[in-house]
Amino acid sequence: MLECDGKPFFPLQARHIPVGATLKELAGAGFNCFRYLMFGAVDIKVQACPEELYGLKMCAYLFDRTNLRSDRRHRRILTETVRSLRENPALLVYENFNEPAWRPDVPAAIHQSAADLATGYRLLKRLDPNHPGHEGHGIGGTVAGLRDYNACADILSCNPYP
């Protein structure tokens, strides 16, 4: 449960918009927020910000841009992105790299380290202390193995699929 505009808000997020579906249809189906893929994701193309949101809140997926150690351009990109979004009334949360402690090609390997993602998350919170950050984990991790990722988000969750 979140607080949004001073009221309780339970996010029902459309993480991936089905092919051919519109935000209007998602809102009509009962969703109240969607994942905005401004940088794309693994095997997913960049998504332009829709002009009409139909009352939906936006969960801005930052992909790997909080890893300031992997690419020196990320600091500038993250700063510009947060500055462009932080005053947007539709912004609900920023999403850090999804399932960072898991690689689909090598399930026992770490995809993005907590220390690397925390570098940008600290910058994000300085630029916008008013919006929370979210980190989603795969269910294969242990509490001990994921503990270091607490420094990368305000809201932590595990994806519920096997």
C-alpha atoms as a PDB file:
ATOM      1  CA  MET A   1       0.000   0.000   0.000  1.00  0.00           C
ATOM      2  CA  LEU A   2       1.340   3.413  -0.940  1.00  0.00           C
ATOM      3  CA  GLU A   3       0.216   6.929  -0.188  1.00  0.00           C
ATOM      4  CA  CYS A   4      -0.493   8.944  -3.314  1.00  0.00           C
ATOM      5  CA  ASP A   5      -1.703  12.544  -3.171  1.00  0.00           C
ATOM      6  CA  GLY A   6      -2.405  12.079   0.544  1.00  0.00           C
ATOM      7  CA  LYS A   7      -4.635   9.019   0.031  1.00  0.00           C
ATOM      8  CA  PRO A   8      -4.045   5.266   0.317  1.00  0.00           C
ATOM      9  CA  PHE A   9      -3.144   3.747  -3.040  1.00  0.00           C
ATOM     10  CA  PHE A  10      -2.849   0.034  -3.819  1.00  0.00           C
ATOM     11  CA  PRO A  11      -0.928  -0.299  -7.096  1.00  0.00           C
ATOM     12  CA  LEU A  12      -2.336  -2.701  -9.660  1.00  0.00           C
ATOM     13  CA  GLN A  13       0.377  -2.404 -12.262  1.00  0.00           C
ATOM     14  CA  ALA A  14       0.388  -3.555 -15.862  1.00  0.00           C
ATOM     15  CA  ARG A  15       4.068  -4.414 -16.083  1.00  0.00           C
ATOM     16  CA  HIS A  16       3.915  -5.266 -19.780  1.00  0.00           C
ATOM     17  CA  ILE A  17       1.252  -3.814 -22.010  1.00  0.00           C
ATOM     18  CA  PRO A  18      -0.159  -6.653 -24.128  1.00  0.00           C
ATOM     19  CA  VAL A  19       0.451  -6.340 -27.864  1.00  0.00           C
ATOM     20  CA  GLY A  20      -2.416  -4.396 -29.382  1.00  0.00           C
ATOM     21  CA  ALA A  21      -3.762  -3.176 -26.029  1.00  0.00           C
ATOM     22  CA  THR A  22      -4.054   0.488 -25.133  1.00  0.00           C
ATOM     23  CA  LEU A  23      -3.681   2.340 -21.857  1.00  0.00           C
ATOM     24  CA  LYS A  24      -7.385   3.175 -22.100  1.00  0.00           C
ATOM     25  CA  GLU A  25      -8.182  -0.569 -22.179  1.00  0.00           C
ATOM     26  CA  LEU A  26      -5.843  -1.235 -19.236  1.00  0.00           C
ATOM     27  CA  ALA A  27      -7.512   1.499 -17.196  1.00  0.00           C
ATOM     28  CA  GLY A  28     -10.922   0.074 -18.110  1.00  0.00           C
ATOM     29  CA  ALA A  29      -9.773  -3.380 -16.981  1.00  0.00           C
ATOM     30  CA  GLY A  30      -8.981  -2.076 -13.489  1.00  0.00           C
ATOM     31  CA  PHE A  31      -5.274  -1.296 -13.608  1.00  0.00           C
ATOM     32  CA  ASN A  32      -4.238   1.970 -11.931  1.00  0.00           C
ATOM     33  CA  CYS A  33      -0.586   2.153 -13.033  1.00  0.00           C
ATOM     34  CA  PHE A  34       1.687   0.920 -15.796  1.00  0.00           C
ATOM     35  CA  ARG A  35       5.379   0.329 -16.345  1.00  0.00           C
ATOM     36  CA  TYR A  36       6.873   3.029 -18.553  1.00  0.00           C
ATOM     37  CA  LEU A  37       9.853   1.528 -20.421  1.00  0.00           C
ATOM     38  CA  MET A  38      11.688   4.727 -21.344  1.00  0.00           C
ATOM     39  CA  PHE A  39      14.948   2.798 -21.811  1.00  0.00           C
ATOM     40  CA  GLY A  40      13.397  -0.512 -22.801  1.00  0.00           C
ATOM     41  CA  ALA A  41      14.470  -3.677 -21.013  1.00  0.00           C
ATOM     42  CA  VAL A  42      16.147  -6.982 -21.803  1.00  0.00           C
ATOM     43  CA  ASP A  43      14.644  -7.970 -25.183  1.00  0.00           C
ATOM     44  CA  ILE A  44      12.059  -5.120 -24.997  1.00  0.00           C
ATOM     45  CA  LYS A  45      12.175  -1.971 -27.105  1.00  0.00           C
ATOM     46  CA  VAL A  46      12.141   1.612 -25.820  1.00  0.00           C
ATOM     47  CA  GLN A  47       8.635   2.919 -25.176  1.00  0.00           C
ATOM     48  CA  ALA A  48       7.618   6.515 -25.863  1.00  0.00           C
ATOM     49  CA  CYS A  49       5.720   8.208 -23.045  1.00  0.00           C
ATOM     50  CA  PRO A  50       2.046   8.152 -23.993  1.00  0.00           C
ATOM     51  CA  GLU A  51       0.374  11.549 -24.188  1.00  0.00           C
ATOM     52  CA  GLU A  52      -2.903  10.336 -22.650  1.00  0.00           C
ATOM     53  CA  LEU A  53      -2.654   8.184 -19.517  1.00  0.00           C
ATOM     54  CA  TYR A  54      -6.387   7.716 -18.778  1.00  0.00           C
ATOM     55  CA  GLY A  55      -5.844   8.310 -15.079  1.00  0.00           C
ATOM     56  CA  LEU A  56      -3.083   5.706 -14.795  1.00  0.00           C
ATOM     57  CA  LYS A  57      -0.005   6.404 -12.699  1.00  0.00           C
ATOM     58  CA  MET A  58       3.418   5.806 -14.198  1.00  0.00           C
ATOM     59  CA  CYS A  59       6.096   3.479 -12.823  1.00  0.00           C
ATOM     60  CA  ALA A  60       9.238   4.714 -14.585  1.00  0.00           C
ATOM     61  CA  TYR A  61      11.544   1.772 -15.291  1.00  0.00           C
ATOM     62  CA  LEU A  62      15.140   2.995 -15.179  1.00  0.00           C
ATOM     63  CA  PHE A  63      16.548  -0.314 -16.486  1.00  0.00           C
ATOM     64  CA  ASP A  64      20.335  -0.240 -15.870  1.00  0.00           C
ATOM     65  CA  ARG A  65      20.727   3.547 -15.692  1.00  0.00           C
ATOM     66  CA  THR A  66      21.244   3.510 -11.903  1.00  0.00           C
ATOM     67  CA  ASN A  67      24.421   1.506 -12.414  1.00  0.00           C
ATOM     68  CA  LEU A  68      26.762   4.485 -12.652  1.00  0.00           C
ATOM     69  CA  ARG A  69      29.816   2.233 -12.725  1.00  0.00           C
ATOM     70  CA  SER A  70      28.928   0.367 -15.932  1.00  0.00           C
ATOM     71  CA  ASP A  71      28.730   3.398 -18.222  1.00  0.00           C
ATOM     72  CA  ARG A  72      29.964   6.921 -17.495  1.00  0.00           C
ATOM     73  CA  ARG A  73      27.027   8.362 -19.489  1.00  0.00           C
ATOM     74  CA  HIS A  74      24.540   6.921 -16.984  1.00  0.00           C
ATOM     75  CA  ARG A  75      25.056   9.757 -14.462  1.00  0.00           C
ATOM     76  CA  ARG A  76      24.029  12.375 -17.026  1.00  0.00           C
ATOM     77  CA  ILE A  77      21.176  10.239 -18.412  1.00  0.00           C
ATOM     78  CA  LEU A  78      19.805   9.444 -14.953  1.00  0.00           C
ATOM     79  CA  THR A  79      20.030  13.094 -13.861  1.00  0.00           C
ATOM     80  CA  GLU A  80      18.214  14.314 -16.986  1.00  0.00           C
ATOM     81  CA  THR A  81      15.570  11.594 -16.671  1.00  0.00           C
ATOM     82  CA  VAL A  82      14.775  12.286 -13.019  1.00  0.00           C
ATOM     83  CA  ARG A  83      14.662  16.037 -13.613  1.00  0.00           C
ATOM     84  CA  SER A  84      12.218  15.524 -16.495  1.00  0.00           C
ATOM     85  CA  LEU A  85       9.920  13.201 -14.506  1.00  0.00           C
ATOM     86  CA  ARG A  86       9.964  14.367 -10.887  1.00  0.00           C
ATOM     87  CA  GLU A  87       7.291  17.061 -11.355  1.00  0.00           C
ATOM     88  CA  ASN A  88       5.042  14.887 -13.528  1.00  0.00           C
ATOM     89  CA  PRO A  89       1.774  14.376 -11.595  1.00  0.00           C
ATOM     90  CA  ALA A  90       1.410  10.887 -13.096  1.00  0.00           C
ATOM     91  CA  LEU A  91       4.753   9.633 -11.698  1.00  0.00           C
ATOM     92  CA  LEU A  92       4.172   7.076  -8.954  1.00  0.00           C
ATOM     93  CA  VAL A  93       7.572   5.365  -8.519  1.00  0.00           C
ATOM     94  CA  TYR A  94      10.926   4.776 -10.158  1.00  0.00           C
ATOM     95  CA  GLU A  95      11.756   1.130 -10.817  1.00  0.00           C
ATOM     96  CA  ASN A  96      15.337  -0.019 -10.486  1.00  0.00           C
ATOM     97  CA  PHE A  97      16.786  -2.897 -12.559  1.00  0.00           C
ATOM     98  CA  ASN A  98      14.355  -5.832 -12.456  1.00  0.00           C
ATOM     99  CA  GLU A  99      15.584  -9.044 -10.837  1.00  0.00           C
ATOM    100  CA  PRO A 100      19.189  -7.833 -10.578  1.00  0.00           C
ATOM    101  CA  ALA A 101      20.456 -10.876  -8.692  1.00  0.00           C
ATOM    102  CA  TRP A 102      19.390 -13.266 -11.452  1.00  0.00           C
ATOM    103  CA  ARG A 103      20.538 -13.827 -15.024  1.00  0.00           C
ATOM    104  CA  PRO A 104      18.210 -15.784 -17.285  1.00  0.00           C
ATOM    105  CA  ASP A 105      21.124 -17.288 -19.212  1.00  0.00           C
ATOM    106  CA  VAL A 106      23.055 -18.257 -16.048  1.00  0.00           C
ATOM    107  CA  PRO A 107      20.546 -18.498 -13.153  1.00  0.00           C
ATOM    108  CA  ALA A 108      23.277 -18.788 -10.505  1.00  0.00           C
ATOM    109  CA  ALA A 109      25.018 -15.578 -11.657  1.00  0.00           C
ATOM    110  CA  ILE A 110      24.314 -11.985 -10.602  1.00  0.00           C
ATOM    111  CA  HIS A 111      23.201  -9.673 -13.423  1.00  0.00           C
ATOM    112  CA  GLN A 112      23.639  -6.301 -11.632  1.00  0.00           C
ATOM    113  CA  SER A 113      25.336  -6.021  -8.252  1.00  0.00           C
ATOM    114  CA  ALA A 114      23.700  -4.180  -5.371  1.00  0.00           C
ATOM    115  CA  ALA A 115      26.777  -1.999  -4.930  1.00  0.00           C
ATOM    116  CA  ASP A 116      26.598  -0.919  -8.569  1.00  0.00           C
ATOM    117  CA  LEU A 117      22.859  -0.159  -8.556  1.00  0.00           C
ATOM    118  CA  ALA A 118      23.119   1.700  -5.241  1.00  0.00           C
ATOM    119  CA  THR A 119      25.455   4.270  -6.825  1.00  0.00           C
ATOM    120  CA  GLY A 120      22.670   5.659  -8.989  1.00  0.00           C
ATOM    121  CA  TYR A 121      19.922   5.090  -6.454  1.00  0.00           C
ATOM    122  CA  ARG A 122      21.646   7.487  -4.049  1.00  0.00           C
ATOM    123  CA  LEU A 123      21.812  10.082  -6.838  1.00  0.00           C
ATOM    124  CA  LEU A 124      18.157   9.499  -7.735  1.00  0.00           C
ATOM    125  CA  LYS A 125      17.065  10.094  -4.118  1.00  0.00           C
ATOM    126  CA  ARG A 126      19.081  13.335  -3.963  1.00  0.00           C
ATOM    127  CA  LEU A 127      17.429  14.531  -7.172  1.00  0.00           C
ATOM    128  CA  ASP A 128      13.923  13.415  -6.173  1.00  0.00           C
ATOM    129  CA  PRO A 129      13.342  12.590  -2.512  1.00  0.00           C
ATOM    130  CA  ASN A 130       9.557  12.699  -3.021  1.00  0.00           C
ATOM    131  CA  HIS A 131       9.050   9.565  -5.105  1.00  0.00           C
ATOM    132  CA  PRO A 132       9.923   6.073  -3.895  1.00  0.00           C
ATOM    133  CA  GLY A 133      12.054   3.586  -5.741  1.00  0.00           C
ATOM    134  CA  HIS A 134      11.018  -0.024  -6.318  1.00  0.00           C
ATOM    135  CA  GLU A 135      13.207  -3.105  -6.696  1.00  0.00           C
ATOM    136  CA  GLY A 136      11.650  -6.374  -7.871  1.00  0.00           C
ATOM    137  CA  HIS A 137      13.445  -9.654  -7.235  1.00  0.00           C
ATOM    138  CA  GLY A 138      13.028 -13.115  -8.674  1.00  0.00           C
ATOM    139  CA  ILE A 139      11.737 -15.650  -6.183  1.00  0.00           C
ATOM    140  CA  GLY A 140      14.885 -17.765  -6.405  1.00  0.00           C
ATOM    141  CA  GLY A 141      16.932 -15.494  -4.146  1.00  0.00           C
ATOM    142  CA  THR A 142      17.337 -15.839  -0.410  1.00  0.00           C
ATOM    143  CA  VAL A 143      16.835 -13.092   2.152  1.00  0.00           C
ATOM    144  CA  ALA A 144      20.565 -13.174   2.925  1.00  0.00           C
ATOM    145  CA  GLY A 145      21.473 -13.049  -0.767  1.00  0.00           C
ATOM    146  CA  LEU A 146      19.164 -10.100  -1.495  1.00  0.00           C
ATOM    147  CA  ARG A 147      19.800  -8.069   1.668  1.00  0.00           C
ATOM    148  CA  ASP A 148      22.396  -5.803   0.042  1.00  0.00           C
ATOM    149  CA  TYR A 149      19.782  -4.682  -2.493  1.00  0.00           C
ATOM    150  CA  ASN A 150      17.888  -2.906   0.313  1.00  0.00           C
ATOM    151  CA  ALA A 151      20.186   0.057  -0.426  1.00  0.00           C
ATOM    152  CA  CYS A 152      18.750   0.239  -3.965  1.00  0.00           C
ATOM    153  CA  ALA A 153      15.077   0.948  -3.252  1.00  0.00           C
ATOM    154  CA  ASP A 154      12.419   2.060  -0.801  1.00  0.00           C
ATOM    155  CA  ILE A 155       9.999  -0.697  -1.845  1.00  0.00           C
ATOM    156  CA  LEU A 156      11.147  -4.295  -2.301  1.00  0.00           C
ATOM    157  CA  SER A 157       9.145  -7.128  -3.789  1.00  0.00           C
ATOM    158  CA  CYS A 158       9.459 -10.579  -5.305  1.00  0.00           C
ATOM    159  CA  ASN A 159       7.876 -11.562  -8.565  1.00  0.00           C
ATOM    160  CA  PRO A 160       5.275 -14.245  -7.857  1.00  0.00           C
ATOM    161  CA  TYR A 161       5.913 -16.588 -10.736  1.00  0.00           C
ATOM    162  CA  PRO A 162       7.947 -19.786 -10.629  1.00  0.00           C
END
